N, C-alpha and C. Protein backbone atom coordinates (compact mmCIF):
# COMPACT_ATOMS: atom_id res chain seq x y z
N MET A 1 77.50 50.44 146.92
CA MET A 1 78.47 51.28 146.44
C MET A 1 79.74 51.14 147.24
N LYS A 2 80.88 51.10 146.64
CA LYS A 2 82.07 50.91 147.40
C LYS A 2 82.54 52.09 148.17
N LYS A 3 83.03 51.95 149.34
CA LYS A 3 83.50 53.00 150.23
C LYS A 3 84.71 53.66 149.47
N GLY A 4 84.72 54.99 149.41
CA GLY A 4 85.81 55.73 148.80
C GLY A 4 85.62 56.10 147.42
N PHE A 5 84.41 55.68 146.93
CA PHE A 5 84.10 56.01 145.42
C PHE A 5 83.98 57.54 145.27
N PHE A 6 83.26 58.21 146.10
CA PHE A 6 83.00 59.62 145.96
C PHE A 6 84.30 60.49 146.04
N PRO A 7 85.15 60.18 147.08
CA PRO A 7 86.39 60.95 147.01
C PRO A 7 87.26 60.68 145.79
N SER A 8 87.28 59.54 145.36
CA SER A 8 88.03 59.21 144.09
C SER A 8 87.44 59.90 142.94
N LEU A 9 86.11 59.97 142.79
CA LEU A 9 85.45 60.75 141.75
C LEU A 9 85.80 62.18 141.81
N CYS A 10 85.74 62.70 143.03
CA CYS A 10 86.07 64.19 143.22
C CYS A 10 87.45 64.47 142.70
N VAL A 11 88.43 63.54 143.05
CA VAL A 11 89.74 63.76 142.67
C VAL A 11 89.93 63.75 141.13
N LEU A 12 89.14 62.78 140.48
CA LEU A 12 89.24 62.66 139.10
C LEU A 12 88.63 63.97 138.43
N ILE A 13 87.52 64.36 138.94
CA ILE A 13 86.95 65.61 138.38
C ILE A 13 87.82 66.80 138.55
N PHE A 14 88.54 66.89 139.67
CA PHE A 14 89.37 67.97 139.92
C PHE A 14 90.70 67.99 138.96
N ILE A 15 91.15 66.71 138.70
CA ILE A 15 92.25 66.61 137.78
C ILE A 15 91.78 66.98 136.36
N CYS A 16 90.64 66.57 135.99
CA CYS A 16 90.05 66.98 134.70
C CYS A 16 89.90 68.51 134.49
N LEU A 17 89.40 69.11 135.59
CA LEU A 17 89.24 70.55 135.54
C LEU A 17 90.58 71.24 135.43
N VAL A 18 91.59 70.79 136.23
CA VAL A 18 92.87 71.40 136.06
C VAL A 18 93.43 71.22 134.61
N ALA A 19 93.27 70.12 134.03
CA ALA A 19 93.74 69.77 132.70
C ALA A 19 93.01 70.83 131.72
N VAL A 20 91.70 70.84 131.83
CA VAL A 20 90.94 71.70 130.97
C VAL A 20 91.40 73.21 131.01
N ILE A 21 91.63 73.68 132.29
CA ILE A 21 92.08 75.07 132.60
C ILE A 21 93.43 75.20 131.95
N TYR A 22 94.33 74.20 132.09
CA TYR A 22 95.69 74.39 131.54
C TYR A 22 95.67 74.43 130.03
N ILE A 23 94.89 73.54 129.43
CA ILE A 23 94.91 73.64 128.00
C ILE A 23 94.26 74.86 127.44
N PHE A 24 93.13 75.22 127.93
CA PHE A 24 92.46 76.49 127.46
C PHE A 24 93.27 77.68 127.84
N GLY A 25 93.91 77.62 128.94
CA GLY A 25 94.78 78.76 129.39
C GLY A 25 95.95 79.10 128.44
N GLU A 26 96.49 77.91 127.87
CA GLU A 26 97.60 78.06 127.03
C GLU A 26 97.12 78.60 125.70
N GLN A 27 95.89 78.17 125.26
CA GLN A 27 95.25 78.57 124.00
C GLN A 27 94.90 80.14 124.18
N ILE A 28 94.39 80.47 125.29
CA ILE A 28 94.09 81.98 125.46
C ILE A 28 95.36 82.84 125.35
N GLU A 29 96.42 82.32 126.07
CA GLU A 29 97.61 83.01 126.07
C GLU A 29 98.27 83.11 124.73
N SER A 30 98.15 82.10 123.95
CA SER A 30 98.54 82.12 122.52
C SER A 30 97.89 83.14 121.78
N VAL A 31 96.53 83.18 121.87
CA VAL A 31 95.76 84.05 121.07
C VAL A 31 96.10 85.50 121.48
N MET A 32 96.17 85.70 122.81
CA MET A 32 96.50 87.06 123.33
C MET A 32 97.87 87.50 122.78
N ALA A 33 98.76 86.60 122.76
CA ALA A 33 100.16 86.87 122.34
C ALA A 33 100.14 87.31 120.78
N GLN A 34 99.32 86.44 120.05
CA GLN A 34 99.18 86.78 118.64
C GLN A 34 98.61 88.16 118.44
N GLN A 35 97.53 88.35 119.18
CA GLN A 35 96.85 89.73 118.99
C GLN A 35 97.76 90.84 119.44
N GLY A 36 98.57 90.62 120.49
CA GLY A 36 99.49 91.64 120.96
C GLY A 36 100.57 91.89 119.93
N GLY A 37 101.02 90.82 119.28
CA GLY A 37 102.02 90.91 118.27
C GLY A 37 101.47 91.67 117.02
N GLN A 38 100.24 91.42 116.67
CA GLN A 38 99.65 91.99 115.57
C GLN A 38 99.45 93.52 115.83
N GLN A 39 99.02 93.87 117.02
CA GLN A 39 98.87 95.21 117.36
C GLN A 39 100.25 96.00 117.31
N GLU A 40 101.26 95.29 117.90
CA GLU A 40 102.56 95.92 117.76
C GLU A 40 103.03 96.16 116.37
N ASP A 41 102.79 95.06 115.53
CA ASP A 41 103.09 95.14 114.12
C ASP A 41 102.37 96.29 113.41
N ASN A 42 101.17 96.46 113.81
CA ASN A 42 100.37 97.60 113.15
C ASN A 42 100.69 98.94 113.60
N ARG A 43 101.64 99.07 114.63
CA ARG A 43 102.10 100.37 115.08
C ARG A 43 103.59 100.49 114.91
N ARG A 44 104.18 99.62 113.93
CA ARG A 44 105.59 99.62 113.87
C ARG A 44 106.20 100.82 113.22
N LEU A 45 105.52 101.66 112.60
CA LEU A 45 105.95 102.94 112.05
C LEU A 45 105.38 104.14 112.70
N ASP A 46 104.82 103.85 113.96
CA ASP A 46 104.30 104.99 114.70
C ASP A 46 105.36 106.07 114.94
N GLY A 47 104.91 107.30 114.51
CA GLY A 47 105.89 108.50 114.67
C GLY A 47 106.59 108.69 113.41
N LYS A 48 106.41 107.94 112.44
CA LYS A 48 107.02 108.17 111.05
C LYS A 48 105.97 108.95 110.22
N THR A 49 106.59 109.79 109.38
CA THR A 49 105.76 110.58 108.34
C THR A 49 106.18 110.21 106.96
N ILE A 50 105.20 109.81 106.15
CA ILE A 50 105.51 109.40 104.75
C ILE A 50 104.58 110.28 103.83
N VAL A 51 105.28 110.90 102.78
CA VAL A 51 104.55 111.72 101.84
C VAL A 51 104.46 110.90 100.51
N ILE A 52 103.22 110.69 100.08
CA ILE A 52 102.96 110.04 98.85
C ILE A 52 102.46 111.10 97.83
N ASP A 53 103.17 111.05 96.62
CA ASP A 53 102.95 112.10 95.77
C ASP A 53 102.35 111.57 94.37
N PRO A 54 101.06 111.61 94.29
CA PRO A 54 100.43 111.19 93.01
C PRO A 54 100.79 112.27 91.99
N GLY A 55 101.48 111.84 90.84
CA GLY A 55 101.95 112.82 89.84
C GLY A 55 100.81 113.48 89.10
N HIS A 56 101.19 114.72 88.64
CA HIS A 56 100.25 115.48 87.76
C HIS A 56 98.99 115.91 88.51
N GLY A 57 97.83 116.15 87.82
CA GLY A 57 96.64 116.59 88.46
C GLY A 57 96.19 117.97 87.87
N GLY A 58 94.91 118.15 88.02
CA GLY A 58 94.30 119.46 87.45
C GLY A 58 94.38 119.36 85.93
N LYS A 59 94.96 120.58 85.38
CA LYS A 59 95.04 120.70 83.96
C LYS A 59 96.11 119.77 83.41
N ASP A 60 97.08 119.38 84.28
CA ASP A 60 98.16 118.49 83.83
C ASP A 60 97.73 117.07 84.03
N VAL A 61 97.26 116.50 82.89
CA VAL A 61 96.68 115.16 83.00
C VAL A 61 97.74 114.11 82.94
N GLY A 62 98.95 114.50 82.59
CA GLY A 62 100.00 113.51 82.45
C GLY A 62 99.78 112.78 81.15
N SER A 63 100.24 111.53 80.99
CA SER A 63 100.16 110.75 79.72
C SER A 63 98.77 110.12 79.76
N ILE A 64 98.32 109.88 78.43
CA ILE A 64 96.98 109.30 78.21
C ILE A 64 97.01 107.91 77.51
N GLY A 65 96.36 106.95 78.01
CA GLY A 65 96.45 105.62 77.44
C GLY A 65 95.63 105.50 76.14
N GLN A 66 95.81 104.37 75.49
CA GLN A 66 95.13 103.99 74.26
C GLN A 66 93.66 103.95 74.50
N ALA A 67 93.20 103.54 75.77
CA ALA A 67 91.79 103.35 76.16
C ALA A 67 91.39 104.63 76.83
N GLY A 68 92.09 105.72 76.87
CA GLY A 68 91.67 106.97 77.49
C GLY A 68 91.96 107.15 78.91
N THR A 69 92.81 106.35 79.49
CA THR A 69 93.14 106.49 80.88
C THR A 69 94.06 107.69 81.14
N TYR A 70 93.75 108.48 82.06
CA TYR A 70 94.66 109.61 82.38
C TYR A 70 95.58 109.20 83.54
N GLU A 71 96.87 109.53 83.23
CA GLU A 71 97.89 109.17 84.30
C GLU A 71 97.50 109.83 85.59
N LYS A 72 97.02 111.08 85.60
CA LYS A 72 96.70 111.80 86.85
C LYS A 72 95.68 110.96 87.72
N ASP A 73 94.73 110.32 87.07
CA ASP A 73 93.64 109.64 87.67
C ASP A 73 94.14 108.29 88.35
N VAL A 74 94.86 107.55 87.57
CA VAL A 74 95.28 106.22 88.09
C VAL A 74 96.43 106.45 89.15
N ALA A 75 97.28 107.46 89.02
CA ALA A 75 98.21 107.72 90.02
C ALA A 75 97.58 108.15 91.38
N LEU A 76 96.47 108.92 91.29
CA LEU A 76 95.76 109.28 92.49
C LEU A 76 95.01 108.09 93.17
N LEU A 77 94.55 107.26 92.38
CA LEU A 77 93.97 105.96 92.89
C LEU A 77 94.92 105.21 93.56
N THR A 78 96.07 104.97 93.07
CA THR A 78 97.15 104.19 93.66
C THR A 78 97.60 104.82 95.02
N ALA A 79 97.75 106.16 94.98
CA ALA A 79 98.22 106.90 96.14
C ALA A 79 97.23 106.78 97.23
N LYS A 80 95.94 106.75 97.01
CA LYS A 80 94.92 106.68 98.06
C LYS A 80 94.90 105.26 98.63
N HIS A 81 95.11 104.22 97.81
CA HIS A 81 95.24 102.89 98.30
C HIS A 81 96.37 102.79 99.29
N ILE A 82 97.56 103.31 98.96
CA ILE A 82 98.70 103.19 99.68
C ILE A 82 98.57 104.01 101.02
N GLN A 83 97.97 105.16 100.90
CA GLN A 83 97.73 105.95 102.19
C GLN A 83 96.93 105.19 103.11
N ARG A 84 95.90 104.56 102.80
CA ARG A 84 95.02 103.87 103.65
C ARG A 84 95.71 102.67 104.26
N GLU A 85 96.28 101.84 103.48
CA GLU A 85 96.93 100.65 103.90
C GLU A 85 98.15 100.90 104.77
N LEU A 86 99.08 101.88 104.42
CA LEU A 86 100.11 102.25 105.30
C LEU A 86 99.63 102.72 106.60
N ALA A 87 98.71 103.56 106.71
CA ALA A 87 98.19 104.06 108.01
C ALA A 87 97.68 102.96 108.79
N GLU A 88 96.79 102.05 108.19
CA GLU A 88 96.15 100.97 108.89
C GLU A 88 97.18 99.91 109.40
N GLN A 89 98.12 99.54 108.54
CA GLN A 89 98.96 98.45 108.81
C GLN A 89 100.21 98.75 109.59
N THR A 90 100.65 99.99 109.60
CA THR A 90 101.92 100.45 110.21
C THR A 90 101.78 101.54 111.27
N GLY A 91 100.66 102.22 111.34
CA GLY A 91 100.56 103.33 112.26
C GLY A 91 101.28 104.63 111.89
N ALA A 92 101.76 104.68 110.60
CA ALA A 92 102.58 105.82 110.09
C ALA A 92 101.48 106.92 109.81
N THR A 93 101.97 108.19 109.88
CA THR A 93 101.23 109.26 109.43
C THR A 93 101.54 109.39 107.86
N VAL A 94 100.52 109.35 107.00
CA VAL A 94 100.75 109.33 105.58
C VAL A 94 100.00 110.53 104.99
N LEU A 95 100.71 111.30 104.24
CA LEU A 95 100.24 112.60 103.64
C LEU A 95 100.28 112.49 102.07
N LEU A 96 99.22 112.97 101.48
CA LEU A 96 99.21 113.04 100.03
C LEU A 96 99.47 114.47 99.59
N THR A 97 100.33 114.63 98.51
CA THR A 97 100.59 115.98 97.98
C THR A 97 99.31 116.57 97.30
N ARG A 98 98.35 115.71 96.91
CA ARG A 98 97.09 116.10 96.48
C ARG A 98 96.14 114.87 96.76
N ASP A 99 94.91 115.22 97.24
CA ASP A 99 93.97 114.13 97.44
C ASP A 99 92.79 114.23 96.49
N GLN A 100 92.80 115.10 95.49
CA GLN A 100 91.84 115.32 94.55
C GLN A 100 92.43 115.71 93.21
N ASP A 101 91.69 115.91 92.16
CA ASP A 101 92.16 116.32 90.92
C ASP A 101 92.35 117.86 90.91
N GLU A 102 93.59 118.21 91.29
CA GLU A 102 93.97 119.59 91.34
C GLU A 102 95.42 119.89 90.97
N THR A 103 95.74 121.01 90.62
CA THR A 103 97.14 121.30 90.22
C THR A 103 97.94 121.68 91.39
N VAL A 104 99.05 120.95 91.54
CA VAL A 104 100.01 121.28 92.64
C VAL A 104 101.36 121.28 91.99
N GLN A 105 101.98 122.54 92.12
CA GLN A 105 103.25 122.72 91.45
C GLN A 105 104.41 121.84 92.13
N LEU A 106 105.44 121.59 91.37
CA LEU A 106 106.53 120.69 91.96
C LEU A 106 107.15 121.32 93.22
N PRO A 107 107.52 122.59 93.23
CA PRO A 107 108.04 123.08 94.52
C PRO A 107 107.21 122.94 95.69
N GLU A 108 105.80 123.04 95.50
CA GLU A 108 104.88 122.84 96.59
C GLU A 108 104.89 121.37 97.10
N ARG A 109 105.08 120.44 96.14
CA ARG A 109 105.10 119.06 96.53
C ARG A 109 106.33 118.71 97.49
N VAL A 110 107.41 119.32 97.05
CA VAL A 110 108.68 119.09 97.85
C VAL A 110 108.53 119.88 99.21
N ALA A 111 107.95 121.03 99.16
CA ALA A 111 107.83 121.92 100.42
C ALA A 111 106.91 121.16 101.38
N MET A 112 105.94 120.40 100.95
CA MET A 112 105.12 119.60 101.87
C MET A 112 105.95 118.65 102.60
N ALA A 113 106.81 117.93 101.91
CA ALA A 113 107.65 116.96 102.62
C ALA A 113 108.59 117.55 103.62
N GLU A 114 109.09 118.78 103.25
CA GLU A 114 110.01 119.60 104.11
C GLU A 114 109.31 119.97 105.33
N SER A 115 108.07 120.63 105.20
CA SER A 115 107.41 121.13 106.33
C SER A 115 106.93 119.97 107.21
N ALA A 116 106.69 118.80 106.77
CA ALA A 116 106.24 117.78 107.63
C ALA A 116 107.41 116.94 108.15
N ASN A 117 108.63 117.36 107.74
CA ASN A 117 109.84 116.58 108.20
C ASN A 117 109.66 115.10 107.80
N ALA A 118 109.24 114.86 106.58
CA ALA A 118 109.05 113.53 106.22
C ALA A 118 110.18 112.56 106.26
N ASP A 119 109.85 111.36 106.75
CA ASP A 119 110.88 110.31 106.77
C ASP A 119 111.10 109.62 105.42
N LEU A 120 110.14 109.86 104.48
CA LEU A 120 110.16 109.20 103.17
C LEU A 120 109.14 109.89 102.25
N TYR A 121 109.65 109.93 101.00
CA TYR A 121 108.77 110.64 99.94
C TYR A 121 108.73 109.62 98.67
N ILE A 122 107.59 109.29 98.25
CA ILE A 122 107.41 108.46 97.10
C ILE A 122 106.47 109.11 96.08
N SER A 123 107.02 109.35 94.84
CA SER A 123 106.27 110.05 93.80
C SER A 123 105.79 108.84 92.95
N LEU A 124 104.42 108.91 92.60
CA LEU A 124 103.81 107.85 91.76
C LEU A 124 103.50 108.41 90.38
N HIS A 125 103.88 107.56 89.38
CA HIS A 125 103.73 107.91 88.01
C HIS A 125 103.42 106.67 87.24
N TYR A 126 102.86 106.80 86.00
CA TYR A 126 102.72 105.75 84.98
C TYR A 126 103.27 106.26 83.70
N ASP A 127 104.26 105.59 83.21
CA ASP A 127 105.14 106.09 82.10
C ASP A 127 104.39 106.03 80.68
N ALA A 128 105.09 106.61 79.75
CA ALA A 128 104.57 106.59 78.29
C ALA A 128 105.73 106.65 77.34
N TYR A 129 105.54 106.18 76.19
CA TYR A 129 106.54 106.16 75.14
C TYR A 129 105.99 106.29 73.72
N VAL A 130 106.80 106.87 72.82
CA VAL A 130 106.21 107.12 71.44
C VAL A 130 105.67 105.90 70.83
N THR A 131 106.31 104.73 71.08
CA THR A 131 105.90 103.47 70.49
C THR A 131 105.02 102.79 71.56
N LYS A 132 104.12 101.92 71.12
CA LYS A 132 103.15 101.28 72.09
C LYS A 132 103.63 99.93 72.58
N ASP A 133 104.83 99.45 72.13
CA ASP A 133 105.29 98.15 72.58
C ASP A 133 106.05 98.20 73.87
N VAL A 134 106.52 99.36 74.35
CA VAL A 134 107.31 99.50 75.62
C VAL A 134 106.53 99.24 76.84
N SER A 135 106.93 98.46 77.75
CA SER A 135 106.11 98.14 78.96
C SER A 135 107.03 97.98 80.16
N GLY A 136 106.49 97.95 81.33
CA GLY A 136 107.32 97.65 82.54
C GLY A 136 107.33 98.67 83.63
N ILE A 137 108.13 98.39 84.64
CA ILE A 137 108.10 99.21 85.85
C ILE A 137 109.58 99.68 86.09
N THR A 138 109.80 100.99 86.32
CA THR A 138 111.06 101.50 86.68
C THR A 138 111.08 102.22 87.89
N THR A 139 112.11 102.12 88.70
CA THR A 139 112.26 102.82 89.95
C THR A 139 113.40 103.85 89.85
N TYR A 140 113.17 105.11 90.20
CA TYR A 140 114.21 106.12 90.04
C TYR A 140 114.56 106.76 91.42
N TYR A 141 115.86 106.97 91.55
CA TYR A 141 116.34 107.63 92.69
C TYR A 141 117.28 108.81 92.12
N HIS A 142 117.58 109.83 92.91
CA HIS A 142 118.53 110.74 92.49
C HIS A 142 119.80 110.80 93.42
N LYS A 143 119.65 110.96 94.67
CA LYS A 143 120.80 110.98 95.53
C LYS A 143 121.32 109.51 95.78
N GLN A 144 122.63 109.40 95.77
CA GLN A 144 123.17 108.07 95.96
C GLN A 144 122.74 107.47 97.21
N GLU A 145 122.48 108.22 98.34
CA GLU A 145 122.05 107.62 99.53
C GLU A 145 120.67 107.10 99.51
N ASP A 146 119.93 107.49 98.41
CA ASP A 146 118.58 106.92 98.27
C ASP A 146 118.53 105.62 97.48
N ARG A 147 119.65 105.16 96.99
CA ARG A 147 119.70 103.96 96.22
C ARG A 147 119.17 102.68 96.91
N GLN A 148 119.45 102.62 98.24
CA GLN A 148 119.06 101.50 99.01
C GLN A 148 117.51 101.43 99.13
N LEU A 149 116.87 102.68 99.29
CA LEU A 149 115.47 102.75 99.33
C LEU A 149 114.83 102.31 98.00
N ALA A 150 115.37 102.71 96.93
CA ALA A 150 114.99 102.36 95.57
C ALA A 150 115.02 100.89 95.36
N ASP A 151 116.19 100.35 95.76
CA ASP A 151 116.37 98.84 95.64
C ASP A 151 115.34 98.00 96.40
N ILE A 152 115.06 98.52 97.61
CA ILE A 152 114.15 97.79 98.51
C ILE A 152 112.75 97.85 97.92
N LEU A 153 112.29 98.95 97.47
CA LEU A 153 110.95 99.12 97.00
C LEU A 153 110.80 98.36 95.61
N HIS A 154 111.80 98.45 94.86
CA HIS A 154 111.81 97.72 93.51
C HIS A 154 111.73 96.27 93.68
N GLN A 155 112.47 95.76 94.58
CA GLN A 155 112.52 94.35 94.87
C GLN A 155 111.13 93.87 95.42
N SER A 156 110.62 94.67 96.34
CA SER A 156 109.23 94.42 96.84
C SER A 156 108.15 94.31 95.79
N LEU A 157 108.27 95.26 94.82
CA LEU A 157 107.30 95.28 93.74
C LEU A 157 107.29 93.98 92.94
N PHE A 158 108.53 93.40 92.67
CA PHE A 158 108.57 92.28 91.79
C PHE A 158 108.52 90.99 92.62
N GLN A 159 108.34 91.07 93.91
CA GLN A 159 107.96 89.88 94.66
C GLN A 159 106.50 89.63 94.56
N GLN A 160 105.73 90.50 93.93
CA GLN A 160 104.27 90.40 93.87
C GLN A 160 103.83 89.82 92.54
N ASP A 161 104.72 89.29 91.71
CA ASP A 161 104.29 88.71 90.53
C ASP A 161 103.38 89.61 89.65
N LEU A 162 103.89 90.77 89.35
CA LEU A 162 103.03 91.72 88.60
C LEU A 162 102.99 91.50 87.10
N GLN A 163 103.78 90.40 86.57
CA GLN A 163 103.72 89.96 85.22
C GLN A 163 103.93 91.11 84.32
N THR A 164 105.01 91.83 84.55
CA THR A 164 105.40 92.92 83.61
C THR A 164 106.87 93.06 83.62
N LYS A 165 107.42 93.66 82.75
CA LYS A 165 108.92 93.79 82.54
C LYS A 165 109.59 94.55 83.63
N ASP A 166 110.69 94.05 84.13
CA ASP A 166 111.49 94.67 85.15
C ASP A 166 112.51 95.59 84.41
N ARG A 167 112.22 96.94 84.48
CA ARG A 167 113.13 97.92 83.75
C ARG A 167 114.17 98.49 84.65
N GLY A 168 114.24 97.95 85.99
CA GLY A 168 115.34 98.23 86.85
C GLY A 168 115.26 99.45 87.62
N VAL A 169 116.30 99.67 88.39
CA VAL A 169 116.49 100.93 89.25
C VAL A 169 117.50 101.76 88.66
N ARG A 170 117.03 102.98 88.39
CA ARG A 170 117.96 103.93 87.60
C ARG A 170 118.03 105.29 88.42
N GLN A 171 119.16 105.99 88.11
CA GLN A 171 119.25 107.28 88.67
C GLN A 171 118.58 108.34 87.65
N GLY A 172 117.71 109.19 88.30
CA GLY A 172 117.01 110.20 87.52
C GLY A 172 117.06 111.49 87.97
N ASP A 173 116.89 112.49 87.13
CA ASP A 173 116.97 113.94 87.51
C ASP A 173 115.57 114.56 87.53
N TYR A 174 114.67 113.98 88.32
CA TYR A 174 113.38 114.53 88.44
C TYR A 174 113.31 115.50 89.61
N TYR A 175 112.63 116.62 89.45
CA TYR A 175 112.62 117.73 90.39
C TYR A 175 112.26 117.25 91.82
N VAL A 176 111.28 116.40 91.93
CA VAL A 176 110.76 116.08 93.30
C VAL A 176 111.73 115.12 93.94
N ILE A 177 112.65 114.48 93.37
CA ILE A 177 113.55 113.69 94.05
C ILE A 177 114.79 114.32 94.17
N ARG A 178 115.22 115.23 93.16
CA ARG A 178 116.44 115.94 93.17
C ARG A 178 116.40 117.02 94.25
N GLU A 179 115.28 117.70 94.46
CA GLU A 179 115.26 118.82 95.26
C GLU A 179 114.81 118.46 96.75
N ASN A 180 114.60 117.23 97.05
CA ASN A 180 114.02 116.74 98.25
C ASN A 180 115.08 116.45 99.25
N ARG A 181 114.86 116.97 100.56
CA ARG A 181 115.69 116.74 101.61
C ARG A 181 115.45 115.27 102.23
N SER A 182 114.25 114.81 102.12
CA SER A 182 113.86 113.51 102.62
C SER A 182 114.40 112.37 101.70
N PRO A 183 114.51 111.18 102.13
CA PRO A 183 114.82 110.05 101.28
C PRO A 183 113.64 109.99 100.24
N ALA A 184 113.94 109.92 98.97
CA ALA A 184 112.93 110.11 97.98
C ALA A 184 113.15 109.24 96.72
N VAL A 185 112.04 108.68 96.15
CA VAL A 185 112.10 107.88 94.99
C VAL A 185 110.93 108.23 94.13
N LEU A 186 111.02 107.92 92.84
CA LEU A 186 110.00 108.21 91.95
C LEU A 186 109.77 106.84 91.17
N LEU A 187 108.42 106.33 91.26
CA LEU A 187 108.15 105.08 90.71
C LEU A 187 107.32 105.28 89.41
N GLU A 188 107.73 104.57 88.37
CA GLU A 188 106.94 104.50 87.05
C GLU A 188 106.38 103.15 87.12
N LEU A 189 105.09 102.99 87.39
CA LEU A 189 104.49 101.77 87.64
C LEU A 189 103.85 100.97 86.48
N GLY A 190 104.29 101.36 85.33
CA GLY A 190 103.86 100.75 84.04
C GLY A 190 103.76 101.77 83.00
N TYR A 191 103.60 101.32 81.82
CA TYR A 191 103.41 102.24 80.60
C TYR A 191 102.01 102.39 80.10
N ILE A 192 101.47 103.48 80.41
CA ILE A 192 100.01 103.84 80.05
C ILE A 192 99.86 103.79 78.58
N SER A 193 100.95 104.00 77.83
CA SER A 193 100.95 103.95 76.34
C SER A 193 100.82 102.51 75.87
N ASN A 194 101.06 101.52 76.73
CA ASN A 194 100.98 100.11 76.35
C ASN A 194 99.55 99.61 76.68
N ALA A 195 98.93 99.00 75.70
CA ALA A 195 97.56 98.52 75.99
C ALA A 195 97.41 97.48 77.15
N ASN A 196 98.43 96.55 77.16
CA ASN A 196 98.43 95.66 78.31
C ASN A 196 98.67 96.21 79.66
N ASP A 197 99.63 97.08 79.73
CA ASP A 197 99.89 97.84 80.93
C ASP A 197 98.77 98.59 81.36
N GLU A 198 98.17 99.34 80.35
CA GLU A 198 96.99 100.19 80.83
C GLU A 198 95.76 99.42 81.30
N GLN A 199 95.57 98.21 80.71
CA GLN A 199 94.48 97.39 81.24
C GLN A 199 94.77 96.89 82.60
N GLN A 200 96.04 96.52 82.82
CA GLN A 200 96.49 96.00 84.09
C GLN A 200 96.50 97.07 85.23
N MET A 201 96.91 98.25 84.97
CA MET A 201 96.95 99.26 85.98
C MET A 201 95.52 99.67 86.42
N ASN A 202 94.50 99.42 85.58
CA ASN A 202 93.16 99.81 85.92
C ASN A 202 92.48 98.61 86.63
N SER A 203 93.20 97.49 86.89
CA SER A 203 92.54 96.43 87.55
C SER A 203 92.73 96.41 89.04
N ALA A 204 91.75 95.94 89.81
CA ALA A 204 91.78 95.89 91.21
C ALA A 204 92.95 94.98 91.73
N GLN A 205 93.18 93.89 91.05
CA GLN A 205 94.28 93.05 91.40
C GLN A 205 95.71 93.63 91.34
N PHE A 206 95.82 94.36 90.28
CA PHE A 206 97.17 95.13 90.21
C PHE A 206 97.31 96.16 91.27
N GLN A 207 96.33 96.99 91.46
CA GLN A 207 96.33 97.97 92.46
C GLN A 207 96.58 97.35 93.92
N LYS A 208 96.07 96.22 94.17
CA LYS A 208 96.12 95.63 95.35
C LYS A 208 97.56 95.09 95.62
N LYS A 209 98.20 94.47 94.51
CA LYS A 209 99.50 94.01 94.64
C LYS A 209 100.56 95.14 94.73
N VAL A 210 100.43 96.26 93.95
CA VAL A 210 101.26 97.34 94.10
C VAL A 210 101.22 98.00 95.37
N THR A 211 100.00 98.12 95.93
CA THR A 211 99.84 98.64 97.29
C THR A 211 100.48 97.76 98.37
N LYS A 212 100.42 96.56 98.30
CA LYS A 212 101.10 95.66 99.33
C LYS A 212 102.52 95.74 99.19
N ALA A 213 103.00 95.82 97.98
CA ALA A 213 104.56 95.88 97.70
C ALA A 213 105.06 97.08 98.27
N ILE A 214 104.48 98.27 98.04
CA ILE A 214 104.93 99.56 98.49
C ILE A 214 104.87 99.61 100.06
N VAL A 215 103.76 99.16 100.65
CA VAL A 215 103.63 99.08 102.09
C VAL A 215 104.71 98.22 102.71
N ASP A 216 104.92 97.06 102.17
CA ASP A 216 105.94 96.15 102.71
C ASP A 216 107.39 96.76 102.53
N GLY A 217 107.58 97.41 101.38
CA GLY A 217 108.88 97.93 101.18
C GLY A 217 109.17 99.13 102.01
N VAL A 218 108.20 99.99 102.22
CA VAL A 218 108.39 101.10 103.17
C VAL A 218 108.70 100.61 104.58
N ALA A 219 107.85 99.58 105.04
CA ALA A 219 108.11 99.09 106.40
C ALA A 219 109.45 98.50 106.51
N ASP A 220 109.89 97.77 105.47
CA ASP A 220 111.26 97.13 105.49
C ASP A 220 112.31 98.08 105.59
N TYR A 221 112.16 99.32 104.79
CA TYR A 221 113.17 100.38 104.85
C TYR A 221 113.31 101.12 106.18
N LEU A 222 112.08 101.43 106.61
CA LEU A 222 112.05 102.25 107.87
C LEU A 222 112.31 101.52 109.14
N THR A 223 112.40 100.15 109.02
CA THR A 223 112.73 99.40 110.24
C THR A 223 114.08 98.68 110.13
N LEU A 224 114.87 99.17 109.20
CA LEU A 224 116.22 98.60 109.02
C LEU A 224 117.08 98.91 110.38
C-alpha cells in the first residue's frame, strides 16, 4: 500500500462530510424558513376581530329553494366554514352572530360587532326572486368607504370560477350594513329560487370555493 494513502483518504472523507453537511444544512434552513413563513402567514390577522353574520335563523327561515333548502341553514353552513378557515389560516378572532338555528334580531347582530370592536362585518345570504330563472352573486355595501371592501371580496369570489352570473357590486340599504360602525358588506351568494344555484350552494365544492374566496378577500383587505 502506498505511503500517504490513509491521510489522503481521511482528507477525502472530510471533504465529503463537509459537502454533505453543507447541502443538508441548506435544505434544513430552507424547510425551516418555509415553516417560519407559513407560521407567520397563519398569524397575519392576529389581533383582528371579524364578525360573520349568517342571515335569518329560528322562525325566520329566509327564502326557500325549489328543492326545499332553507336560506337560514345554508347561510349558517357557509358561516361556520368561514369561521373555521379564517381562524386557522390567519389567526383572527372570528365571531358568529349565531352559531345555531336561533332568532337573532338585526340590532343584536350589529350590537355584537360594536361590542367586539370588530374590524370587519360580513353578512351572508342567499337571494331569491319571483321568477326562477334569475341567478348569480351580488355584493352589497352601504357606506361609500366600504366600497373598497366590497370590491375586494367580490373580485375574490369570481377568481374561484364559481360558474355563476356576476351581478356586480351594488349599494344597498340593509340594516346590518347601514347601522354598522365597522366596515360592513352583505353577500348574496346565489339565488336559492334558481334550481341550479340551489344545487350548487349545497355542494361541498361550492362551499369550499366560497370559503377560500372570502378568507383570501378578508386577508387582502385587512393587510392593505
